[in-house]
Amino acid sequence: MYSNKENVNILTSLLVEHDVYQVVVCPGSRNAPIVHNLNECPDITCYPVTDERSAGFFAIGLIHASQMPVAVCVTSGSAMLNLAPAVAEAKYQQLPLVVITADRPQAWVDQLDGQTIPQQGAFGSLVRRSVSLPEPHDEESRWLCNRLANEVLLELSFYSTGPVHVNVPISEPLFDFSVSHLPKERSIERHYYHEMKDVQLARDFFEAEQPMIILGQEYSEWVEEDDDDEYHDAMTFLADYGVVLSESLNNHLGYHVPTEKALTLIGDNPDYIPDYILYVGGHVVSKRLKTFLRKAEGAKVVMVNEGEAIHDVTMQMDELKVMGTYNALVNTLYFFYHHNYLSVLFPDLPKERQTEKLFHENPGHVAFHDRWQQVLNHAEQMTDDYEPPYSQMAAVRYFEQQLCDMDYDFHVHYGNSSAIRLANIYSEHHVWCNRGVNGIEGSLSTAVGHAAHMWEKGLDDKVFCVLGDLSFFYDENALWNVNLSGNLRIMVLNNGGGGIFQTLPGLQQSPACETMVAACHNTSARGICTQCDIGYLKATNMQEMQEGIVLLLTEETTRPMLLEVFTDATTDNQALQAFFEK
């Protein structure tokens, strides 16, 4: 029988999954549930050592002898501090030592409670990773506990190794050993994905009945400049076989995918949920897409990323494939398409017949692909047909329509919140956006930096920045800059505050909504433009907006230009709602 503490049971199960089979255990009451579990688990061997100072070095001896990771488990308070010398030794010997510390609930830290000190992060830079496992109370906190335990234990076996710290808060009562078996926990794997050699990645994708690829935020200049049709053939090949969903933050696909509208049409229909998800790149903006992916319970989920961090967007991820110097999607595409996998699967067929054979080998994917294609086509048509009233939506729609007719090179930056969401509806090209933290600050400054580089290099590329009023006024000092030139064009969508707050159910009931949450105002960009010698245009209706956008796109000047589009926040919200309800 095991402890009834879920975080303790999750950790015990994942220690075994990550090949930690030996644990040095020290005495104490707060760590008793952990020690009990370790002793009960048939896959783990426990070594009792009373002195924590000695226990840490005893564990290092086990690591030397076994060449395997070893854990040491201590109770709360000063017991943890006694491990510091051994942890430091493990760091500089690069040894896989797992420090497991029991802890008191956070509420009692610094409240004169016995053996209660701030334990999370106490080892500082001596450990590769430190996590504190929450005591789960719902599915989300269980997922978090599982993910954190996976993340810290993955540090034991990636490139070089070193010590890690797992802090485990445990509330009273402590000694309930009534659980009959350990949970079967999701174990995340992390592999270095090198030079298109991962046959299993392709095998899983092509053997799935309902495969899907998600393209997160990622930009490759190589893709923009490459005139070899082979890359685009590879992308078409995968899009024809499975379902590819993308936003304008990714520049690899080459055409617009109406992801948000399609998901609205699909609703809760389970026939569109994938059984295999290959997630490539970083952020996606759409909350609908994230919610949809989290419904894919039981699906195999693989993330291909250029960094080693675990980003479990789907809450289902099984495996992370870490790229080295190669662009994640480009490398994946070339592996799939250059027949490395197809030659393994169909070694006796000529190359021209391998693709044909693949498409007929697993007919189940065809119906899934066709269902999605019908919805995407319908969503695309509805997007084209919908003509919003004068609003921010109408401004972005007209801007993107006119931009497509320009015969010069351009780069478009969008601000966060409403602006980037409108871009994902209408943009037919890659867009830049500060989605690292998704804050409103810095959008204009980023575009200014981009434009300054183009000007300095003598390039004729125009740089556009489309952003909301709060983003603009927050970052207005971006225009207090000696590096400005005529290649910078700005469109400010001014509806007198944070318009997106009108879309949040229930918030309007608060009397603090307009003044304190949405930051409503009556400010204009005109004075800032006058101060900074920026050409200023203003629009208050459809005709002025359209004329202003044409000037913004076509006028040749030596100084930046700004178009301020004044709209009503309520009308903006109604236009967007009507689009999704249409």
Protein backbone atom coordinates (compact mmCIF):
# COMPACT_ATOMS: atom_id res chain seq x y z
CA MET A 1 0.00 0.00 0.00
CA TYR A 2 1.16 3.51 -0.82
CA SER A 3 0.70 7.01 0.61
CA ASN A 4 -2.50 8.92 -0.19
CA LYS A 5 -0.45 12.01 -1.16
CA GLU A 6 -0.82 12.39 -4.93
CA ASN A 7 2.34 14.41 -5.49
CA VAL A 8 4.33 11.75 -3.62
CA ASN A 9 2.78 8.97 -5.72
CA ILE A 10 3.37 10.84 -8.99
CA LEU A 11 7.02 11.38 -8.08
CA THR A 12 7.53 7.75 -7.04
CA SER A 13 6.10 6.49 -10.32
CA LEU A 14 8.19 8.86 -12.44
CA LEU A 15 11.43 8.09 -10.60
CA VAL A 16 11.13 4.56 -11.95
CA GLU A 17 10.15 5.80 -15.43
CA HIS A 18 13.33 7.92 -15.51
CA ASP A 19 15.59 5.08 -14.33
CA VAL A 20 16.14 6.19 -10.74
CA TYR A 21 16.25 2.83 -8.94
CA GLN A 22 18.43 3.64 -5.92
CA VAL A 23 17.57 6.11 -3.14
CA VAL A 24 19.43 7.06 0.01
CA VAL A 25 16.82 7.81 2.70
CA CYS A 26 17.30 9.85 5.85
CA PRO A 27 15.06 9.88 8.94
CA GLY A 28 12.27 12.38 9.60
CA SER A 29 8.50 12.69 9.89
CA ARG A 30 7.69 15.10 7.06
CA ASN A 31 9.46 12.88 4.52
CA ALA A 32 7.91 9.69 5.94
CA PRO A 33 5.26 9.43 3.17
CA ILE A 34 8.02 9.61 0.56
CA VAL A 35 10.26 7.11 2.35
CA HIS A 36 7.31 4.75 2.81
CA ASN A 37 6.56 4.84 -0.92
CA LEU A 38 10.18 4.28 -1.90
CA ASN A 39 10.40 1.32 0.43
CA GLU A 40 7.15 -0.17 -0.92
CA CYS A 41 8.06 0.26 -4.60
CA PRO A 42 9.53 -3.05 -5.84
CA ASP A 43 11.69 -1.32 -8.45
CA ILE A 44 13.54 0.88 -5.95
CA THR A 45 16.31 -0.09 -3.51
CA CYS A 46 16.56 2.06 -0.37
CA TYR A 47 19.76 2.72 1.62
CA PRO A 48 19.09 4.22 5.10
CA VAL A 49 21.70 6.77 6.26
CA THR A 50 21.09 8.86 9.40
CA ASP A 51 23.47 11.80 8.82
CA GLU A 52 22.37 13.92 5.84
CA ARG A 53 25.90 15.30 5.35
CA SER A 54 27.14 11.77 4.84
CA ALA A 55 24.05 10.63 2.93
CA GLY A 56 24.71 12.99 0.01
CA PHE A 57 28.24 11.68 -0.49
CA PHE A 58 27.06 8.11 0.02
CA ALA A 59 24.72 8.72 -2.94
CA ILE A 60 27.66 10.00 -5.00
CA GLY A 61 29.46 6.73 -4.27
CA LEU A 62 26.42 4.82 -5.57
CA ILE A 63 26.48 6.93 -8.74
CA HIS A 64 30.15 6.13 -9.32
CA ALA A 65 29.58 2.43 -8.83
CA SER A 66 26.37 2.06 -10.83
CA GLN A 67 26.85 4.82 -13.46
CA MET A 68 23.14 5.54 -12.94
CA PRO A 69 21.22 8.43 -11.35
CA VAL A 70 20.70 8.14 -7.59
CA ALA A 71 18.34 10.06 -5.29
CA VAL A 72 18.75 11.17 -1.69
CA CYS A 73 15.61 11.92 0.34
CA VAL A 74 15.58 14.11 3.46
CA THR A 75 12.99 15.74 5.69
CA SER A 76 12.24 19.48 5.83
CA GLY A 77 14.23 22.36 7.29
CA SER A 78 17.93 22.25 8.15
CA ALA A 79 18.16 18.62 6.98
CA MET A 80 18.06 19.92 3.42
CA LEU A 81 20.91 22.40 4.04
CA ASN A 82 23.19 19.59 5.18
CA LEU A 83 23.17 18.25 1.59
CA ALA A 84 24.77 21.40 0.12
CA PRO A 85 28.39 20.14 0.09
CA ALA A 86 27.40 16.95 -1.73
CA VAL A 87 25.24 18.90 -4.18
CA ALA A 88 28.19 21.18 -4.97
CA GLU A 89 30.41 18.16 -5.52
CA ALA A 90 27.84 16.60 -7.85
CA LYS A 91 27.63 19.85 -9.84
CA TYR A 92 31.34 20.02 -10.58
CA GLN A 93 31.62 16.29 -11.23
CA GLN A 94 28.47 16.51 -13.42
CA LEU A 95 26.82 13.65 -11.55
CA PRO A 96 23.06 12.79 -11.79
CA LEU A 97 22.11 13.31 -8.13
CA VAL A 98 18.40 13.77 -7.37
CA VAL A 99 17.81 15.71 -4.14
CA ILE A 100 14.29 15.04 -2.80
CA THR A 101 13.27 17.29 0.08
CA ALA A 102 10.00 17.04 1.97
CA ASP A 103 8.54 20.44 2.81
CA ARG A 104 5.84 22.05 4.94
CA PRO A 105 2.90 23.84 3.28
CA GLN A 106 3.81 27.30 1.97
CA ALA A 107 1.40 28.95 4.41
CA TRP A 108 3.69 28.08 7.33
CA VAL A 109 7.00 29.32 5.92
CA ASP A 110 8.47 32.12 8.08
CA GLN A 111 5.71 31.67 10.68
CA LEU A 112 7.96 30.30 13.47
CA ASP A 113 6.85 26.76 12.65
CA GLY A 114 9.39 24.03 13.38
CA GLN A 115 11.75 22.86 10.59
CA THR A 116 10.11 25.28 8.14
CA ILE A 117 12.35 27.42 5.93
CA PRO A 118 12.11 28.65 2.29
CA GLN A 119 13.23 25.49 0.48
CA GLN A 120 12.30 26.06 -3.15
CA GLY A 121 15.40 27.24 -5.00
CA ALA A 122 17.59 27.01 -1.88
CA PHE A 123 20.45 25.34 -3.80
CA GLY A 124 20.57 28.18 -6.35
CA SER A 125 22.99 27.66 -9.23
CA LEU A 126 24.34 24.43 -7.73
CA VAL A 127 21.49 22.46 -9.37
CA ARG A 128 20.45 22.24 -13.02
CA ARG A 129 16.78 22.52 -12.16
CA SER A 130 14.67 22.98 -9.02
CA VAL A 131 10.93 22.38 -8.84
CA SER A 132 8.31 22.22 -6.12
CA LEU A 133 5.59 19.65 -6.76
CA PRO A 134 2.11 20.99 -5.92
CA GLU A 135 -0.37 18.95 -3.92
CA PRO A 136 -2.95 18.28 -6.67
CA HIS A 137 -6.60 19.19 -6.18
CA ASP A 138 -7.88 18.96 -9.79
CA GLU A 139 -6.84 17.74 -13.25
CA GLU A 140 -4.86 20.88 -14.07
CA SER A 141 -2.77 20.68 -10.91
CA ARG A 142 -2.21 16.94 -11.50
CA TRP A 143 -0.96 17.77 -15.00
CA LEU A 144 1.31 20.45 -13.53
CA CYS A 145 2.72 18.06 -10.94
CA ASN A 146 3.40 15.44 -13.62
CA ARG A 147 5.00 17.99 -15.97
CA LEU A 148 7.27 19.46 -13.31
CA ALA A 149 8.45 16.04 -12.17
CA ASN A 150 9.15 15.06 -15.79
CA GLU A 151 11.00 18.30 -16.48
CA VAL A 152 13.34 18.05 -13.52
CA LEU A 153 14.12 14.36 -14.03
CA LEU A 154 14.81 14.89 -17.75
CA GLU A 155 17.76 17.07 -16.72
CA LEU A 156 19.54 13.91 -15.54
CA SER A 157 20.11 12.59 -19.04
CA PHE A 158 20.34 15.48 -21.48
CA TYR A 159 23.74 16.41 -22.95
CA SER A 160 25.82 16.85 -19.78
CA THR A 161 24.21 16.05 -16.45
CA GLY A 162 24.28 17.29 -12.86
CA PRO A 163 22.23 17.48 -9.66
CA VAL A 164 18.55 18.43 -9.58
CA HIS A 165 16.23 19.36 -6.71
CA VAL A 166 12.67 18.11 -6.19
CA ASN A 167 10.88 19.85 -3.32
CA VAL A 168 7.69 18.11 -2.12
CA PRO A 169 5.30 20.06 0.12
CA ILE A 170 3.20 17.64 2.19
CA SER A 171 0.27 18.72 4.33
CA GLU A 172 -1.05 16.85 7.38
CA PRO A 173 -2.24 14.20 8.08
CA LEU A 174 0.97 12.55 6.92
CA PHE A 175 0.54 8.86 7.62
CA ASP A 176 -2.34 7.59 5.50
CA PHE A 177 -1.08 4.60 3.49
CA SER A 178 -4.32 3.52 1.89
CA VAL A 179 -3.59 3.63 -1.89
CA SER A 180 -3.29 0.17 -3.40
CA HIS A 181 -1.05 0.97 -6.38
CA LEU A 182 1.00 3.76 -7.92
CA PRO A 183 -0.57 5.75 -10.77
CA LYS A 184 0.50 5.05 -14.33
CA GLU A 185 2.09 8.40 -15.11
CA ARG A 186 2.85 10.01 -18.44
CA SER A 187 6.62 9.95 -18.93
CA ILE A 188 7.95 12.59 -21.31
CA GLU A 189 10.99 11.66 -23.41
CA ARG A 190 13.48 14.17 -24.77
CA HIS A 191 15.80 13.32 -27.66
CA TYR A 192 18.35 15.17 -29.70
CA TYR A 193 16.91 15.24 -33.20
CA HIS A 194 19.89 15.19 -35.55
CA GLU A 195 20.10 15.44 -39.31
CA MET A 196 16.85 13.80 -40.32
CA LYS A 197 17.64 10.36 -38.87
CA ASP A 198 14.56 9.77 -36.74
CA VAL A 199 12.65 7.06 -38.58
CA GLN A 200 10.24 6.53 -35.69
CA LEU A 201 9.01 10.12 -35.92
CA ALA A 202 7.92 9.59 -39.52
CA ARG A 203 6.63 6.09 -38.86
CA ASP A 204 4.29 7.30 -36.12
CA PHE A 205 3.03 10.17 -38.27
CA PHE A 206 2.29 8.07 -41.35
CA GLU A 207 0.76 5.19 -39.40
CA ALA A 208 -1.69 7.46 -37.54
CA GLU A 209 -5.33 7.44 -38.66
CA GLN A 210 -5.84 11.14 -37.95
CA PRO A 211 -2.46 12.94 -38.11
CA MET A 212 -2.17 16.68 -37.54
CA ILE A 213 0.71 19.17 -37.67
CA ILE A 214 0.58 22.41 -35.68
CA LEU A 215 2.93 25.19 -36.81
CA GLY A 216 3.72 27.54 -33.93
CA GLN A 217 5.61 30.82 -34.07
CA GLU A 218 8.78 30.40 -36.12
CA TYR A 219 10.52 32.34 -38.86
CA SER A 220 13.14 31.12 -41.30
CA GLU A 221 14.87 33.57 -43.63
CA TRP A 222 16.07 30.56 -45.59
CA VAL A 223 12.46 29.67 -46.42
CA GLU A 224 11.77 33.23 -47.58
CA GLU A 225 14.78 33.33 -49.88
CA ASP A 226 14.87 29.76 -51.16
CA ASP A 227 13.90 29.44 -54.82
CA ASP A 228 14.11 25.65 -54.82
CA ASP A 229 10.64 24.16 -55.21
CA GLU A 230 11.68 21.06 -53.25
CA TYR A 231 10.89 22.65 -49.88
CA HIS A 232 7.44 23.74 -50.98
CA ASP A 233 6.83 20.30 -52.49
CA ALA A 234 7.69 18.81 -49.10
CA MET A 235 5.23 21.09 -47.31
CA THR A 236 2.50 20.30 -49.83
CA PHE A 237 3.24 16.60 -49.43
CA LEU A 238 2.62 16.69 -45.67
CA ALA A 239 -0.42 18.98 -45.97
CA ASP A 240 -1.96 16.59 -48.51
CA TYR A 241 -1.40 13.61 -46.23
CA GLY A 242 -2.40 15.07 -42.87
CA VAL A 243 -3.99 18.26 -41.56
CA VAL A 244 -1.74 21.31 -41.11
CA LEU A 245 -2.96 24.17 -38.91
CA SER A 246 -1.00 27.39 -38.77
CA GLU A 247 -1.18 31.07 -37.91
CA SER A 248 0.51 34.03 -39.52
CA LEU A 249 3.28 33.90 -36.90
CA ASN A 250 4.80 31.04 -38.92
CA ASN A 251 6.23 31.69 -42.38
CA HIS A 252 6.68 28.11 -43.57
CA LEU A 253 3.33 27.16 -45.05
CA GLY A 254 3.09 29.74 -47.81
CA TYR A 255 -0.69 30.17 -47.68
CA HIS A 256 -3.35 31.27 -45.20
CA VAL A 257 -5.10 28.75 -42.94
CA PRO A 258 -8.37 30.04 -41.40
CA THR A 259 -7.70 28.12 -38.20
CA GLU A 260 -9.79 30.22 -35.81
CA LYS A 261 -12.89 30.28 -38.03
CA ALA A 262 -12.60 26.56 -38.83
CA LEU A 263 -12.48 25.68 -35.13
CA THR A 264 -15.60 27.78 -34.57
CA LEU A 265 -17.42 25.81 -37.26
CA ILE A 266 -16.25 22.46 -35.85
CA GLY A 267 -17.38 23.20 -32.31
CA ASP A 268 -17.31 20.07 -30.14
CA ASN A 269 -17.50 17.55 -33.00
CA PRO A 270 -15.12 14.71 -32.00
CA ASP A 271 -14.65 13.58 -35.63
CA TYR A 272 -12.06 16.33 -36.12
CA ILE A 273 -9.85 15.50 -33.13
CA PRO A 274 -6.45 14.03 -34.14
CA ASP A 275 -4.88 10.85 -32.81
CA TYR A 276 -1.36 12.09 -33.55
CA ILE A 277 -0.10 15.66 -33.14
CA LEU A 278 3.26 16.90 -34.37
CA TYR A 279 3.75 20.37 -32.84
CA VAL A 280 6.57 22.36 -34.42
CA GLY A 281 7.77 25.77 -33.24
CA GLY A 282 6.62 28.15 -30.52
CA HIS A 283 3.52 30.15 -29.60
CA VAL A 284 0.07 29.92 -31.08
CA VAL A 285 -2.23 32.87 -30.41
CA SER A 286 -5.59 31.15 -30.68
CA LYS A 287 -7.12 30.12 -27.37
CA ARG A 288 -9.62 28.06 -29.36
CA LEU A 289 -6.77 26.06 -30.88
CA LYS A 290 -5.16 25.38 -27.52
CA THR A 291 -8.50 24.27 -26.05
CA PHE A 292 -9.13 22.05 -29.07
CA LEU A 293 -5.73 20.34 -28.81
CA ARG A 294 -6.27 19.66 -25.10
CA LYS A 295 -9.34 17.59 -26.01
CA ALA A 296 -7.16 15.07 -27.85
CA GLU A 297 -6.91 12.68 -24.91
CA GLY A 298 -4.96 9.58 -25.80
CA ALA A 299 -3.33 11.16 -28.85
CA LYS A 300 0.41 10.77 -29.27
CA VAL A 301 1.94 14.23 -29.12
CA VAL A 302 5.47 15.02 -30.24
CA MET A 303 6.98 18.50 -30.09
CA VAL A 304 9.92 19.45 -32.31
CA ASN A 305 11.70 22.47 -30.89
CA GLU A 306 15.01 24.25 -31.31
CA GLY A 307 15.32 24.62 -27.53
CA GLU A 308 15.36 22.02 -24.79
CA ALA A 309 12.56 23.49 -22.64
CA ILE A 310 9.34 21.51 -22.16
CA HIS A 311 6.36 23.48 -23.56
CA ASP A 312 3.42 21.14 -23.04
CA VAL A 313 0.87 23.29 -24.92
CA THR A 314 -1.49 20.37 -25.55
CA MET A 315 -1.23 18.97 -21.98
CA GLN A 316 -0.72 15.61 -23.74
CA MET A 317 2.92 15.70 -24.86
CA ASP A 318 4.81 12.40 -24.87
CA GLU A 319 8.08 13.38 -26.45
CA LEU A 320 10.27 16.40 -27.16
CA LYS A 321 12.70 16.26 -30.05
CA VAL A 322 15.33 18.95 -29.63
CA MET A 323 16.90 20.51 -32.70
CA GLY A 324 20.52 21.56 -32.80
CA THR A 325 21.52 24.07 -35.46
CA TYR A 326 18.76 23.14 -37.90
CA ASN A 327 15.45 24.89 -38.30
CA ALA A 328 12.87 22.60 -36.69
CA LEU A 329 10.24 22.44 -39.42
CA VAL A 330 12.64 22.54 -42.35
CA ASN A 331 14.55 19.57 -40.95
CA THR A 332 11.36 17.64 -40.26
CA LEU A 333 10.02 18.29 -43.75
CA TYR A 334 13.19 17.26 -45.47
CA PHE A 335 13.39 14.08 -43.47
CA PHE A 336 9.85 13.13 -44.42
CA TYR A 337 10.14 14.14 -48.04
CA HIS A 338 13.64 13.08 -49.02
CA HIS A 339 12.46 9.49 -48.96
CA ASN A 340 14.64 8.49 -46.00
CA TYR A 341 11.57 7.09 -44.32
CA LEU A 342 9.84 5.95 -47.50
CA SER A 343 12.93 4.03 -48.55
CA VAL A 344 12.88 2.19 -45.24
CA LEU A 345 9.18 1.42 -45.54
CA PHE A 346 9.18 0.48 -49.24
CA PRO A 347 12.78 -0.50 -50.07
CA ASP A 348 11.80 -2.48 -53.18
CA LEU A 349 9.86 0.31 -54.88
CA PRO A 350 11.30 3.07 -57.07
CA LYS A 351 11.11 6.54 -55.51
CA GLU A 352 8.34 7.76 -57.77
CA ARG A 353 6.06 4.99 -56.51
CA GLN A 354 6.93 5.21 -52.81
CA THR A 355 4.72 8.26 -52.20
CA GLU A 356 1.84 6.73 -54.12
CA LYS A 357 2.16 3.54 -52.09
CA LEU A 358 2.26 5.50 -48.83
CA PHE A 359 -1.03 7.27 -49.55
CA HIS A 360 -2.78 3.95 -50.21
CA GLU A 361 -1.15 2.04 -47.36
CA ASN A 362 -3.19 3.85 -44.69
CA PRO A 363 -6.54 4.94 -46.19
CA GLY A 364 -7.90 5.99 -42.77
CA HIS A 365 -6.14 9.33 -42.96
CA VAL A 366 -7.96 10.29 -46.18
CA ALA A 367 -11.39 10.74 -44.60
CA PHE A 368 -9.88 12.80 -41.76
CA HIS A 369 -7.99 15.01 -44.21
CA ASP A 370 -11.06 15.50 -46.42
CA ARG A 371 -13.32 16.40 -43.47
CA TRP A 372 -10.89 19.07 -42.39
CA GLN A 373 -10.35 20.37 -45.90
CA GLN A 374 -14.07 20.91 -46.39
CA VAL A 375 -14.27 22.93 -43.18
CA LEU A 376 -11.16 24.96 -44.02
CA ASN A 377 -12.48 25.75 -47.49
CA HIS A 378 -15.83 26.80 -46.03
CA ALA A 379 -14.12 28.95 -43.40
CA GLU A 380 -11.96 30.61 -46.06
CA GLN A 381 -15.00 31.42 -48.16
CA MET A 382 -16.92 32.84 -45.21
CA THR A 383 -13.93 35.00 -44.26
CA ASP A 384 -13.76 36.39 -47.80
CA ASP A 385 -17.51 37.03 -47.95
CA TYR A 386 -17.88 38.77 -44.59
CA GLU A 387 -17.71 42.56 -44.87
CA PRO A 388 -17.46 44.07 -41.39
CA PRO A 389 -18.85 47.52 -40.64
CA TYR A 390 -16.45 50.35 -39.93
CA SER A 391 -14.31 48.96 -37.13
CA GLN A 392 -10.81 47.77 -36.29
CA MET A 393 -11.67 44.55 -38.10
CA ALA A 394 -12.56 46.49 -41.27
CA ALA A 395 -9.31 48.46 -41.01
CA VAL A 396 -7.10 45.37 -40.74
CA ARG A 397 -9.04 43.65 -43.53
CA TYR A 398 -8.60 46.59 -45.92
CA PHE A 399 -4.94 47.05 -44.92
CA GLU A 400 -4.13 43.41 -45.67
CA GLN A 401 -6.08 43.44 -48.95
CA GLN A 402 -4.23 46.50 -50.21
CA LEU A 403 -0.86 45.30 -48.95
CA CYS A 404 -1.11 42.19 -51.11
CA ASP A 405 -1.17 44.42 -54.21
CA MET A 406 2.07 46.23 -53.37
CA ASP A 407 5.10 45.38 -55.51
CA TYR A 408 7.75 46.12 -52.87
CA ASP A 409 9.20 43.97 -50.09
CA PHE A 410 7.66 44.53 -46.66
CA HIS A 411 7.66 43.30 -43.08
CA VAL A 412 4.61 43.65 -40.83
CA HIS A 413 4.65 43.83 -37.04
CA TYR A 414 1.42 43.49 -35.08
CA GLY A 415 0.78 44.42 -31.48
CA ASN A 416 -0.57 41.87 -29.04
CA SER A 417 -4.17 41.41 -27.95
CA SER A 418 -6.83 42.34 -30.56
CA ALA A 419 -4.35 43.34 -33.27
CA ILE A 420 -2.60 39.97 -33.63
CA ARG A 421 -5.93 38.14 -33.51
CA LEU A 422 -7.20 40.21 -36.43
CA ALA A 423 -3.94 39.52 -38.26
CA ASN A 424 -4.55 35.79 -37.95
CA ILE A 425 -7.91 36.24 -39.68
CA TYR A 426 -6.72 38.31 -42.64
CA SER A 427 -2.97 38.13 -43.08
CA GLU A 428 -1.73 36.15 -46.10
CA HIS A 429 1.93 36.53 -45.10
CA HIS A 430 4.18 36.06 -42.12
CA VAL A 431 3.79 38.63 -39.34
CA TRP A 432 6.10 39.57 -36.49
CA CYS A 433 4.73 39.81 -32.95
CA ASN A 434 6.22 39.84 -29.45
CA ARG A 435 4.58 36.59 -28.35
CA GLY A 436 7.38 35.58 -26.00
CA VAL A 437 5.48 37.07 -23.06
CA ASN A 438 2.52 38.46 -25.02
CA GLY A 439 2.71 41.87 -23.35
CA ILE A 440 1.57 45.16 -24.88
CA GLU A 441 4.93 46.87 -24.35
CA GLY A 442 7.63 47.15 -26.97
CA SER A 443 5.67 46.34 -30.15
CA LEU A 444 6.43 49.72 -31.72
CA SER A 445 10.05 49.76 -30.55
CA THR A 446 10.59 46.33 -32.12
CA ALA A 447 9.24 47.56 -35.45
CA VAL A 448 11.40 50.70 -35.23
CA GLY A 449 14.49 48.54 -34.72
CA HIS A 450 13.53 46.37 -37.68
CA ALA A 451 13.03 49.44 -39.90
CA ALA A 452 16.32 51.02 -38.78
CA HIS A 453 18.25 47.90 -39.77
CA MET A 454 16.66 47.87 -43.23
CA TRP A 455 17.45 51.55 -43.74
CA GLU A 456 21.03 51.15 -42.49
CA LYS A 457 21.61 48.29 -44.95
CA GLY A 458 20.30 50.40 -47.83
CA LEU A 459 17.28 48.14 -48.43
CA ASP A 460 13.98 49.47 -49.76
CA ASP A 461 11.81 47.18 -47.59
CA LYS A 462 8.97 48.95 -45.82
CA VAL A 463 8.22 48.04 -42.21
CA PHE A 464 4.63 48.34 -40.98
CA CYS A 465 3.40 48.27 -37.40
CA VAL A 466 -0.29 47.73 -36.65
CA LEU A 467 -1.15 48.04 -32.98
CA GLY A 468 -3.79 49.14 -30.50
CA ASP A 469 -3.94 52.45 -28.71
CA LEU A 470 -2.74 51.23 -25.33
CA SER A 471 0.25 49.49 -26.93
CA PHE A 472 1.09 52.64 -28.86
CA PHE A 473 0.84 55.11 -25.99
CA TYR A 474 2.69 52.76 -23.64
CA ASP A 475 5.56 52.61 -26.15
CA GLU A 476 5.36 56.15 -27.56
CA ASN A 477 9.03 56.80 -26.75
CA ALA A 478 9.87 54.41 -29.57
CA LEU A 479 9.40 57.49 -31.78
CA TRP A 480 11.83 59.52 -29.65
CA ASN A 481 14.63 57.98 -31.69
CA VAL A 482 17.28 59.38 -34.05
CA ASN A 483 17.17 56.24 -36.22
CA LEU A 484 13.76 56.89 -37.81
CA SER A 485 13.30 57.07 -41.56
CA GLY A 486 10.58 57.01 -44.20
CA ASN A 487 10.43 53.22 -44.45
CA LEU A 488 8.45 52.99 -41.16
CA ARG A 489 4.64 53.11 -41.39
CA ILE A 490 2.31 52.81 -38.37
CA MET A 491 -1.42 52.18 -38.06
CA VAL A 492 -2.84 52.83 -34.59
CA LEU A 493 -6.24 51.26 -33.88
CA ASN A 494 -7.68 53.69 -31.33
CA ASN A 495 -10.99 52.70 -29.74
CA GLY A 496 -10.36 54.59 -26.52
CA GLY A 497 -9.02 51.77 -24.35
CA GLY A 498 -8.39 48.07 -24.14
CA GLY A 499 -11.20 46.91 -26.42
CA ILE A 500 -10.47 43.23 -25.89
CA PHE A 501 -11.75 43.55 -22.31
CA GLN A 502 -15.26 43.95 -23.70
CA THR A 503 -15.07 40.37 -24.97
CA LEU A 504 -14.46 38.86 -21.53
CA PRO A 505 -17.74 37.49 -20.11
CA GLY A 506 -18.78 39.04 -16.83
CA LEU A 507 -16.15 41.78 -16.69
CA GLN A 508 -18.61 44.46 -17.81
CA GLN A 509 -20.52 43.93 -14.57
CA SER A 510 -17.63 45.44 -12.62
CA PRO A 511 -17.79 49.23 -12.09
CA ALA A 512 -13.98 49.22 -12.32
CA CYS A 513 -14.00 47.78 -15.86
CA GLU A 514 -13.74 50.92 -17.98
CA THR A 515 -11.51 53.19 -15.92
CA MET A 516 -9.27 50.75 -14.08
CA VAL A 517 -9.18 47.56 -16.14
CA ALA A 518 -9.69 48.66 -19.75
CA ALA A 519 -7.92 52.01 -19.18
CA CYS A 520 -10.43 54.05 -21.17
CA HIS A 521 -9.09 57.40 -22.42
CA ASN A 522 -9.55 60.26 -24.91
CA THR A 523 -5.94 60.50 -26.05
CA SER A 524 -4.77 61.01 -29.64
CA ALA A 525 -1.43 60.28 -31.31
CA ARG A 526 -1.43 63.65 -33.15
CA GLY A 527 0.65 65.52 -30.56
CA ILE A 528 3.24 62.75 -30.37
CA CYS A 529 3.57 62.79 -34.16
CA THR A 530 4.02 66.58 -34.20
CA GLN A 531 6.67 66.37 -31.50
CA CYS A 532 8.60 63.61 -33.28
CA ASP A 533 8.18 64.89 -36.87
CA ILE A 534 5.99 61.96 -37.92
CA GLY A 535 3.53 62.36 -40.80
CA TYR A 536 0.03 62.13 -39.28
CA LEU A 537 -3.20 60.85 -40.88
CA LYS A 538 -6.57 60.47 -39.18
CA ALA A 539 -9.63 58.33 -39.98
CA THR A 540 -13.07 58.38 -38.35
CA ASN A 541 -15.13 56.57 -41.01
CA MET A 542 -14.78 53.93 -43.72
CA GLN A 543 -13.82 56.30 -46.54
CA GLU A 544 -11.19 58.15 -44.50
CA MET A 545 -9.78 54.85 -43.30
CA GLN A 546 -9.45 53.41 -46.80
CA GLU A 547 -7.93 56.60 -48.21
CA GLY A 548 -5.52 56.77 -45.26
CA ILE A 549 -4.37 53.17 -45.74
CA VAL A 550 -3.69 53.78 -49.44
CA LEU A 551 -1.54 56.80 -48.52
CA LEU A 552 0.20 54.84 -45.79
CA LEU A 553 1.13 52.14 -48.31
CA THR A 554 2.07 54.30 -51.28
CA GLU A 555 3.29 57.76 -50.18
CA GLU A 556 7.05 58.28 -50.55
CA THR A 557 8.48 60.26 -47.63
CA THR A 558 11.75 60.66 -45.79
CA ARG A 559 10.05 60.48 -42.38
CA PRO A 560 7.74 57.85 -40.86
CA MET A 561 3.97 58.06 -41.36
CA LEU A 562 1.20 57.21 -38.91
CA LEU A 563 -2.49 56.59 -39.54
CA GLU A 564 -4.74 56.77 -36.47
CA VAL A 565 -8.01 54.91 -37.01
CA PHE A 566 -10.64 55.97 -34.47
CA THR A 567 -13.36 53.36 -33.82
CA ASP A 568 -15.94 52.50 -31.17
CA ALA A 569 -15.03 49.62 -28.86
CA THR A 570 -18.61 48.28 -28.76
CA THR A 571 -18.84 48.24 -32.57
CA ASP A 572 -15.42 46.56 -32.76
CA ASN A 573 -16.63 43.79 -30.47
CA GLN A 574 -19.94 43.38 -32.32
CA ALA A 575 -18.18 43.12 -35.69
CA LEU A 576 -15.94 40.33 -34.42
CA GLN A 577 -18.83 38.49 -32.77
CA ALA A 578 -20.89 38.69 -35.95
CA PHE A 579 -18.00 37.19 -37.90
CA PHE A 580 -17.79 34.12 -35.67
CA GLU A 581 -21.57 33.75 -35.39
CA LYS A 582 -22.16 34.08 -39.14
